[in-house]
């Protein structure tokens, strides 16, 4: 693998800016491919990142998506500026969505974002404060033997 030292980056995401949806996840996917990371790991990281990116665009005024790639793992952190999640357990259920109808008409907001983030991560943490925002941390190990699931 071509990772010798930690690679870090971040993307500022503006809520409601569907014209730029997928830019962060595509850039991370391209970077991971250029580093020679396996297709399966790249796919998982791209899905998790895309879902986080879309949640910021759909539900919040703005957020930041940060990544850290080391020889051992990919760490993705999505932090947003609100509105927060009232019931995380409910929000983690496949198919549960609070997306407005106009977002669903665009083909988004199916209630798979958080479940897909968790499913494609080896480690997943979510912290949310209503009225303040949400932070999601996802870790994907590059060596399957380190998988904590």
N, C-alpha and C. Protein backbone atom coordinates (compact mmCIF):
# COMPACT_ATOMS: atom_id res chain seq x y z
N UNK A 1 0.84 -1.19 0.00
CA UNK A 1 0.00 0.00 0.00
C UNK A 1 0.88 1.24 0.00
N UNK A 2 0.37 2.32 -0.60
CA UNK A 2 1.18 3.50 -0.77
C UNK A 2 1.06 4.52 0.35
N UNK A 3 0.64 4.12 1.54
CA UNK A 3 0.49 5.07 2.63
C UNK A 3 1.68 4.95 3.56
N UNK A 4 2.49 6.00 3.58
CA UNK A 4 3.68 5.99 4.42
C UNK A 4 3.49 6.85 5.66
N UNK A 5 2.69 7.90 5.52
CA UNK A 5 2.43 8.82 6.64
C UNK A 5 0.98 9.24 6.60
N UNK A 6 0.54 9.90 7.64
CA UNK A 6 -0.86 10.32 7.75
C UNK A 6 -1.20 11.37 6.70
N UNK A 7 -2.34 11.18 6.06
CA UNK A 7 -2.87 12.13 5.09
C UNK A 7 -4.17 12.66 5.66
N UNK A 8 -4.30 13.99 5.72
CA UNK A 8 -5.49 14.60 6.29
C UNK A 8 -6.07 15.62 5.33
N UNK A 9 -7.36 15.83 5.46
CA UNK A 9 -8.02 16.84 4.65
C UNK A 9 -9.40 17.13 5.20
N UNK A 10 -10.03 18.14 4.63
CA UNK A 10 -11.38 18.48 5.08
C UNK A 10 -12.15 19.16 3.94
N UNK A 11 -13.45 19.11 4.07
CA UNK A 11 -14.36 19.73 3.11
C UNK A 11 -15.40 20.51 3.89
N UNK A 12 -15.65 21.73 3.47
CA UNK A 12 -16.73 22.52 4.05
C UNK A 12 -17.97 22.26 3.19
N UNK A 13 -19.05 21.89 3.84
CA UNK A 13 -20.27 21.52 3.13
C UNK A 13 -21.38 22.48 3.52
N UNK A 14 -22.05 23.01 2.53
CA UNK A 14 -23.13 23.97 2.75
C UNK A 14 -24.47 23.25 2.65
N UNK A 15 -25.28 23.39 3.67
CA UNK A 15 -26.61 22.79 3.66
C UNK A 15 -27.43 23.28 2.48
N UNK A 16 -28.15 22.37 1.85
CA UNK A 16 -29.01 22.71 0.73
C UNK A 16 -28.31 22.80 -0.61
N UNK A 17 -26.97 22.68 -0.64
CA UNK A 17 -26.23 22.81 -1.89
C UNK A 17 -26.14 21.46 -2.60
N UNK A 18 -27.26 21.03 -3.19
CA UNK A 18 -27.32 19.74 -3.87
C UNK A 18 -26.45 19.72 -5.12
N UNK A 19 -26.10 20.89 -5.66
CA UNK A 19 -25.27 20.93 -6.87
C UNK A 19 -23.86 20.39 -6.60
N UNK A 20 -23.44 20.41 -5.34
CA UNK A 20 -22.09 19.91 -5.01
C UNK A 20 -22.13 18.57 -4.27
N UNK A 21 -23.32 17.98 -4.20
CA UNK A 21 -23.49 16.70 -3.51
C UNK A 21 -22.59 15.64 -4.14
N UNK A 22 -21.82 14.97 -3.32
CA UNK A 22 -20.95 13.91 -3.79
C UNK A 22 -19.52 14.34 -4.08
N UNK A 23 -19.24 15.63 -4.06
CA UNK A 23 -17.88 16.09 -4.35
C UNK A 23 -16.86 15.57 -3.34
N UNK A 24 -17.17 15.66 -2.05
CA UNK A 24 -16.24 15.23 -1.01
C UNK A 24 -16.00 13.72 -1.11
N UNK A 25 -17.07 12.95 -1.22
CA UNK A 25 -16.91 11.49 -1.27
C UNK A 25 -16.17 11.06 -2.53
N UNK A 26 -16.40 11.73 -3.65
CA UNK A 26 -15.70 11.41 -4.88
C UNK A 26 -14.21 11.72 -4.76
N UNK A 27 -13.89 12.84 -4.13
CA UNK A 27 -12.48 13.21 -3.95
C UNK A 27 -11.76 12.21 -3.04
N UNK A 28 -12.44 11.81 -1.97
CA UNK A 28 -11.84 10.82 -1.06
C UNK A 28 -11.67 9.48 -1.77
N UNK A 29 -12.67 9.08 -2.54
CA UNK A 29 -12.60 7.83 -3.29
C UNK A 29 -11.40 7.85 -4.24
N UNK A 30 -11.24 8.93 -4.97
CA UNK A 30 -10.13 9.07 -5.91
C UNK A 30 -8.79 9.00 -5.19
N UNK A 31 -8.69 9.67 -4.05
CA UNK A 31 -7.46 9.64 -3.26
C UNK A 31 -7.14 8.22 -2.80
N UNK A 32 -8.13 7.54 -2.25
CA UNK A 32 -7.91 6.17 -1.76
C UNK A 32 -7.49 5.24 -2.90
N UNK A 33 -8.11 5.39 -4.06
CA UNK A 33 -7.73 4.57 -5.22
C UNK A 33 -6.28 4.84 -5.61
N UNK A 34 -5.88 6.12 -5.57
CA UNK A 34 -4.51 6.47 -5.95
C UNK A 34 -3.48 5.91 -4.97
N UNK A 35 -3.93 5.63 -3.76
CA UNK A 35 -3.04 5.06 -2.75
C UNK A 35 -2.97 3.54 -2.82
N UNK A 36 -3.74 2.96 -3.72
CA UNK A 36 -3.70 1.51 -3.90
C UNK A 36 -4.51 0.73 -2.87
N UNK A 37 -5.44 1.37 -2.24
CA UNK A 37 -6.28 0.71 -1.24
C UNK A 37 -7.29 -0.19 -1.96
N UNK A 38 -7.60 -1.31 -1.35
CA UNK A 38 -8.47 -2.30 -1.99
C UNK A 38 -9.82 -1.71 -2.38
N UNK A 39 -10.38 -2.27 -3.46
CA UNK A 39 -11.66 -1.79 -3.98
C UNK A 39 -12.76 -1.86 -2.92
N UNK A 40 -12.76 -2.92 -2.12
CA UNK A 40 -13.79 -3.09 -1.10
C UNK A 40 -13.70 -1.99 -0.03
N UNK A 41 -12.50 -1.66 0.41
CA UNK A 41 -12.32 -0.60 1.41
C UNK A 41 -12.70 0.75 0.80
N UNK A 42 -12.28 0.99 -0.43
CA UNK A 42 -12.62 2.24 -1.12
C UNK A 42 -14.14 2.38 -1.24
N UNK A 43 -14.81 1.30 -1.60
CA UNK A 43 -16.27 1.31 -1.74
C UNK A 43 -16.93 1.65 -0.40
N UNK A 44 -16.51 1.01 0.67
CA UNK A 44 -17.09 1.26 1.99
C UNK A 44 -16.87 2.71 2.42
N UNK A 45 -15.65 3.21 2.22
CA UNK A 45 -15.33 4.59 2.62
C UNK A 45 -16.14 5.58 1.79
N UNK A 46 -16.30 5.31 0.50
CA UNK A 46 -17.05 6.22 -0.37
C UNK A 46 -18.53 6.26 0.03
N UNK A 47 -19.10 5.11 0.32
CA UNK A 47 -20.51 5.07 0.74
C UNK A 47 -20.70 5.81 2.05
N UNK A 48 -19.86 5.51 3.05
CA UNK A 48 -19.98 6.15 4.36
C UNK A 48 -19.82 7.66 4.24
N UNK A 49 -18.85 8.10 3.45
CA UNK A 49 -18.60 9.53 3.28
C UNK A 49 -19.76 10.20 2.54
N UNK A 50 -20.27 9.56 1.49
CA UNK A 50 -21.38 10.12 0.73
C UNK A 50 -22.61 10.30 1.61
N UNK A 51 -22.92 9.29 2.42
CA UNK A 51 -24.09 9.37 3.29
C UNK A 51 -23.93 10.51 4.30
N UNK A 52 -22.74 10.68 4.85
CA UNK A 52 -22.49 11.76 5.81
C UNK A 52 -22.62 13.12 5.12
N UNK A 53 -22.06 13.20 3.94
CA UNK A 53 -22.12 14.43 3.15
C UNK A 53 -23.58 14.80 2.84
N UNK A 54 -24.37 13.82 2.43
CA UNK A 54 -25.77 14.08 2.10
C UNK A 54 -26.57 14.49 3.33
N UNK A 55 -26.29 13.89 4.47
CA UNK A 55 -27.02 14.27 5.69
C UNK A 55 -26.77 15.73 6.04
N UNK A 56 -25.54 16.19 5.86
CA UNK A 56 -25.24 17.60 6.11
C UNK A 56 -26.01 18.48 5.12
N UNK A 57 -25.98 18.11 3.85
CA UNK A 57 -26.67 18.90 2.82
C UNK A 57 -28.18 18.93 3.06
N UNK A 58 -28.76 17.80 3.42
CA UNK A 58 -30.21 17.70 3.57
C UNK A 58 -30.70 18.38 4.85
N UNK A 59 -30.01 18.17 5.96
CA UNK A 59 -30.60 18.52 7.26
C UNK A 59 -30.03 19.74 7.97
N UNK A 60 -28.88 20.23 7.55
CA UNK A 60 -28.20 21.25 8.35
C UNK A 60 -27.84 22.50 7.55
N UNK A 61 -27.58 23.61 8.25
CA UNK A 61 -27.13 24.81 7.54
C UNK A 61 -25.74 24.64 6.93
N UNK A 62 -24.86 23.92 7.64
CA UNK A 62 -23.49 23.72 7.16
C UNK A 62 -22.78 22.71 8.03
N UNK A 63 -21.66 22.22 7.54
CA UNK A 63 -20.87 21.28 8.31
C UNK A 63 -19.50 21.13 7.70
N UNK A 64 -18.71 20.32 8.37
CA UNK A 64 -17.36 20.02 7.88
C UNK A 64 -17.17 18.51 7.91
N UNK A 65 -16.56 18.01 6.85
CA UNK A 65 -16.25 16.60 6.76
C UNK A 65 -14.73 16.50 6.73
N UNK A 66 -14.18 15.83 7.73
CA UNK A 66 -12.73 15.68 7.82
C UNK A 66 -12.34 14.22 7.65
N UNK A 67 -11.16 14.01 7.09
CA UNK A 67 -10.66 12.64 6.97
C UNK A 67 -9.21 12.57 7.37
N UNK A 68 -8.83 11.38 7.81
CA UNK A 68 -7.46 11.08 8.20
C UNK A 68 -7.18 9.66 7.72
N UNK A 69 -6.16 9.54 6.89
CA UNK A 69 -5.79 8.23 6.35
C UNK A 69 -4.40 7.90 6.89
N UNK A 70 -4.30 6.76 7.57
CA UNK A 70 -3.02 6.29 8.09
C UNK A 70 -2.74 4.93 7.47
N UNK A 71 -1.56 4.37 7.69
CA UNK A 71 -1.31 3.03 7.15
C UNK A 71 -2.26 1.96 7.72
N UNK A 72 -2.91 2.27 8.85
CA UNK A 72 -3.79 1.30 9.50
C UNK A 72 -5.28 1.51 9.22
N UNK A 73 -5.69 2.78 9.01
CA UNK A 73 -7.12 3.03 8.97
C UNK A 73 -7.48 4.31 8.24
N UNK A 74 -8.78 4.41 7.94
CA UNK A 74 -9.38 5.63 7.42
C UNK A 74 -10.34 6.11 8.50
N UNK A 75 -10.20 7.35 8.88
CA UNK A 75 -11.09 7.94 9.89
C UNK A 75 -11.81 9.11 9.24
N UNK A 76 -13.13 9.08 9.31
CA UNK A 76 -13.96 10.13 8.71
C UNK A 76 -14.81 10.73 9.81
N UNK A 77 -14.78 12.05 9.93
CA UNK A 77 -15.58 12.74 10.94
C UNK A 77 -16.44 13.78 10.22
N UNK A 78 -17.74 13.70 10.48
CA UNK A 78 -18.68 14.68 9.94
C UNK A 78 -19.27 15.45 11.11
N UNK A 79 -19.09 16.76 11.10
CA UNK A 79 -19.63 17.62 12.15
C UNK A 79 -20.53 18.65 11.50
N UNK A 80 -21.72 18.84 12.08
CA UNK A 80 -22.62 19.82 11.50
C UNK A 80 -23.09 20.83 12.54
N UNK A 81 -23.78 21.84 12.05
CA UNK A 81 -24.22 22.96 12.88
C UNK A 81 -25.71 22.88 13.24
N UNK A 82 -26.21 21.68 13.38
CA UNK A 82 -27.59 21.56 13.83
C UNK A 82 -28.50 21.09 12.74
N UNK A 83 -29.68 20.76 13.08
CA UNK A 83 -30.44 21.00 14.30
C UNK A 83 -30.26 19.94 15.39
N UNK A 84 -29.46 18.92 15.12
CA UNK A 84 -29.30 17.83 16.09
C UNK A 84 -30.36 16.76 15.87
N UNK A 85 -30.15 15.62 16.49
CA UNK A 85 -31.05 14.48 16.35
C UNK A 85 -31.69 14.22 17.71
N UNK A 86 -33.02 14.29 17.74
CA UNK A 86 -33.74 14.10 19.01
C UNK A 86 -33.66 12.67 19.52
N UNK A 87 -33.80 11.69 18.65
CA UNK A 87 -33.83 10.28 19.05
C UNK A 87 -32.87 9.50 18.16
N UNK A 88 -31.63 9.33 18.62
CA UNK A 88 -30.61 8.67 17.81
C UNK A 88 -31.00 7.22 17.53
N UNK A 89 -31.53 6.53 18.51
CA UNK A 89 -31.92 5.13 18.31
C UNK A 89 -32.94 5.00 17.18
N UNK A 90 -33.91 5.89 17.14
CA UNK A 90 -34.91 5.89 16.08
C UNK A 90 -34.27 6.26 14.74
N UNK A 91 -33.40 7.25 14.75
CA UNK A 91 -32.74 7.70 13.52
C UNK A 91 -31.84 6.61 12.93
N UNK A 92 -31.37 5.68 13.75
CA UNK A 92 -30.51 4.60 13.28
C UNK A 92 -31.30 3.46 12.64
N UNK A 93 -32.62 3.49 12.72
CA UNK A 93 -33.44 2.43 12.13
C UNK A 93 -33.55 2.63 10.62
N UNK A 94 -33.29 1.55 9.88
CA UNK A 94 -33.39 1.62 8.42
C UNK A 94 -34.79 2.06 8.02
N UNK A 95 -34.86 3.05 7.15
CA UNK A 95 -36.13 3.52 6.63
C UNK A 95 -36.74 4.69 7.40
N UNK A 96 -36.23 4.97 8.60
CA UNK A 96 -36.76 6.11 9.35
C UNK A 96 -36.13 7.39 8.79
N UNK A 97 -36.97 8.37 8.47
CA UNK A 97 -36.46 9.61 7.90
C UNK A 97 -37.30 10.79 8.35
N UNK A 98 -36.62 11.90 8.57
CA UNK A 98 -37.32 13.16 8.85
C UNK A 98 -37.16 14.13 7.68
N UNK A 99 -36.71 13.60 6.55
CA UNK A 99 -36.50 14.45 5.37
C UNK A 99 -37.83 15.04 4.90
N UNK A 100 -37.82 16.32 4.53
CA UNK A 100 -39.05 16.92 4.00
C UNK A 100 -39.42 16.29 2.65
N UNK A 101 -40.68 16.42 2.30
CA UNK A 101 -41.20 15.80 1.07
C UNK A 101 -40.43 16.26 -0.17
N UNK A 102 -40.04 17.54 -0.25
CA UNK A 102 -39.33 18.02 -1.44
C UNK A 102 -37.98 17.33 -1.60
N UNK A 103 -37.34 16.94 -0.48
CA UNK A 103 -36.06 16.21 -0.55
C UNK A 103 -36.31 14.80 -1.06
N UNK A 104 -37.39 14.19 -0.60
CA UNK A 104 -37.74 12.84 -1.06
C UNK A 104 -38.06 12.84 -2.55
N UNK A 105 -38.68 13.91 -3.00
CA UNK A 105 -39.00 14.02 -4.43
C UNK A 105 -37.75 14.11 -5.29
N UNK A 106 -36.66 14.58 -4.70
CA UNK A 106 -35.37 14.63 -5.40
C UNK A 106 -34.68 13.26 -5.39
N UNK A 107 -35.25 12.32 -4.63
CA UNK A 107 -34.68 10.97 -4.58
C UNK A 107 -33.79 10.73 -3.37
N UNK A 108 -33.81 11.64 -2.41
CA UNK A 108 -32.98 11.51 -1.20
C UNK A 108 -33.88 11.34 0.01
N UNK A 109 -33.28 11.13 1.17
CA UNK A 109 -34.04 11.09 2.41
C UNK A 109 -34.80 9.80 2.62
N UNK A 110 -34.22 8.67 2.21
CA UNK A 110 -34.90 7.38 2.33
C UNK A 110 -34.73 6.74 3.71
N UNK A 111 -33.96 7.38 4.58
CA UNK A 111 -33.77 6.81 5.90
C UNK A 111 -32.68 5.76 5.97
N UNK A 112 -31.76 5.78 5.02
CA UNK A 112 -30.67 4.80 5.01
C UNK A 112 -29.31 5.42 5.32
N UNK A 113 -29.26 6.74 5.50
CA UNK A 113 -27.98 7.42 5.70
C UNK A 113 -27.20 6.92 6.89
N UNK A 114 -27.73 7.09 8.08
CA UNK A 114 -27.02 6.65 9.28
C UNK A 114 -26.80 5.13 9.30
N UNK A 115 -27.82 4.32 8.97
CA UNK A 115 -27.57 2.88 8.94
C UNK A 115 -26.47 2.48 7.95
N UNK A 116 -26.42 3.13 6.78
CA UNK A 116 -25.36 2.82 5.81
C UNK A 116 -23.99 3.27 6.31
N UNK A 117 -23.94 4.40 7.03
CA UNK A 117 -22.66 4.84 7.61
C UNK A 117 -22.15 3.79 8.58
N UNK A 118 -23.04 3.31 9.44
CA UNK A 118 -22.64 2.31 10.44
C UNK A 118 -22.25 1.00 9.78
N UNK A 119 -23.05 0.55 8.81
CA UNK A 119 -22.82 -0.73 8.14
C UNK A 119 -21.47 -0.75 7.42
N UNK A 120 -21.04 0.38 6.89
CA UNK A 120 -19.79 0.44 6.12
C UNK A 120 -18.58 0.84 6.95
N UNK A 121 -18.76 0.96 8.26
CA UNK A 121 -17.67 1.32 9.17
C UNK A 121 -17.33 0.13 10.07
N UNK A 122 -16.07 0.04 10.46
CA UNK A 122 -15.68 -0.94 11.46
C UNK A 122 -15.98 -0.40 12.86
N UNK A 123 -15.84 0.89 13.02
CA UNK A 123 -16.22 1.57 14.27
C UNK A 123 -17.08 2.77 13.89
N UNK A 124 -18.13 2.99 14.66
CA UNK A 124 -19.08 4.06 14.37
C UNK A 124 -19.51 4.70 15.68
N UNK A 125 -19.41 6.02 15.74
CA UNK A 125 -19.87 6.77 16.91
C UNK A 125 -20.68 7.97 16.44
N UNK A 126 -21.73 8.24 17.19
CA UNK A 126 -22.55 9.41 16.87
C UNK A 126 -22.88 10.12 18.17
N UNK A 127 -22.77 11.44 18.13
CA UNK A 127 -23.09 12.27 19.28
C UNK A 127 -23.90 13.45 18.74
N UNK A 128 -25.03 13.72 19.37
CA UNK A 128 -25.88 14.80 18.87
C UNK A 128 -26.51 15.56 20.03
N UNK A 129 -26.57 16.86 19.88
CA UNK A 129 -27.22 17.73 20.85
C UNK A 129 -28.26 18.54 20.08
N UNK A 130 -29.53 18.38 20.47
CA UNK A 130 -30.61 19.11 19.79
C UNK A 130 -30.35 20.61 19.90
N UNK A 131 -30.46 21.29 18.78
CA UNK A 131 -30.23 22.73 18.74
C UNK A 131 -28.78 23.12 18.53
N UNK A 132 -27.87 22.16 18.61
CA UNK A 132 -26.44 22.46 18.44
C UNK A 132 -25.82 21.75 17.25
N UNK A 133 -26.04 20.45 17.13
CA UNK A 133 -25.45 19.75 16.00
C UNK A 133 -25.13 18.30 16.30
N UNK A 134 -24.56 17.66 15.30
CA UNK A 134 -24.25 16.23 15.37
C UNK A 134 -22.82 16.00 14.90
N UNK A 135 -22.16 15.06 15.55
CA UNK A 135 -20.84 14.61 15.13
C UNK A 135 -20.90 13.11 14.93
N UNK A 136 -20.46 12.67 13.76
CA UNK A 136 -20.38 11.25 13.44
C UNK A 136 -18.92 10.93 13.16
N UNK A 137 -18.43 9.87 13.79
CA UNK A 137 -17.06 9.40 13.54
C UNK A 137 -17.14 7.98 13.02
N UNK A 138 -16.47 7.75 11.90
CA UNK A 138 -16.44 6.43 11.27
C UNK A 138 -14.99 6.03 11.05
N UNK A 139 -14.68 4.80 11.42
CA UNK A 139 -13.34 4.26 11.20
C UNK A 139 -13.45 2.99 10.38
N UNK A 140 -12.62 2.92 9.36
CA UNK A 140 -12.54 1.72 8.52
C UNK A 140 -11.09 1.26 8.55
N UNK A 141 -10.88 0.04 9.00
CA UNK A 141 -9.52 -0.50 9.08
C UNK A 141 -9.08 -1.03 7.73
N UNK A 142 -7.82 -0.78 7.40
CA UNK A 142 -7.28 -1.22 6.12
C UNK A 142 -6.88 -2.68 6.16
N UNK A 143 -6.57 -3.19 7.35
CA UNK A 143 -6.22 -4.59 7.55
C UNK A 143 -7.42 -5.27 8.19
N UNK A 144 -8.00 -6.21 7.49
CA UNK A 144 -9.21 -6.88 7.98
C UNK A 144 -9.03 -7.48 9.39
N UNK A 145 -7.80 -7.85 9.75
CA UNK A 145 -7.59 -8.46 11.07
C UNK A 145 -7.82 -7.48 12.20
N UNK A 146 -7.86 -6.17 11.89
CA UNK A 146 -8.11 -5.17 12.93
C UNK A 146 -9.59 -4.83 13.06
N UNK A 147 -10.43 -5.46 12.25
CA UNK A 147 -11.86 -5.18 12.28
C UNK A 147 -12.43 -5.48 13.67
N UNK A 148 -13.09 -4.49 14.25
CA UNK A 148 -13.60 -4.62 15.61
C UNK A 148 -15.04 -5.11 15.68
N UNK A 149 -15.68 -5.33 14.54
CA UNK A 149 -17.10 -5.77 14.56
C UNK A 149 -17.21 -7.21 14.97
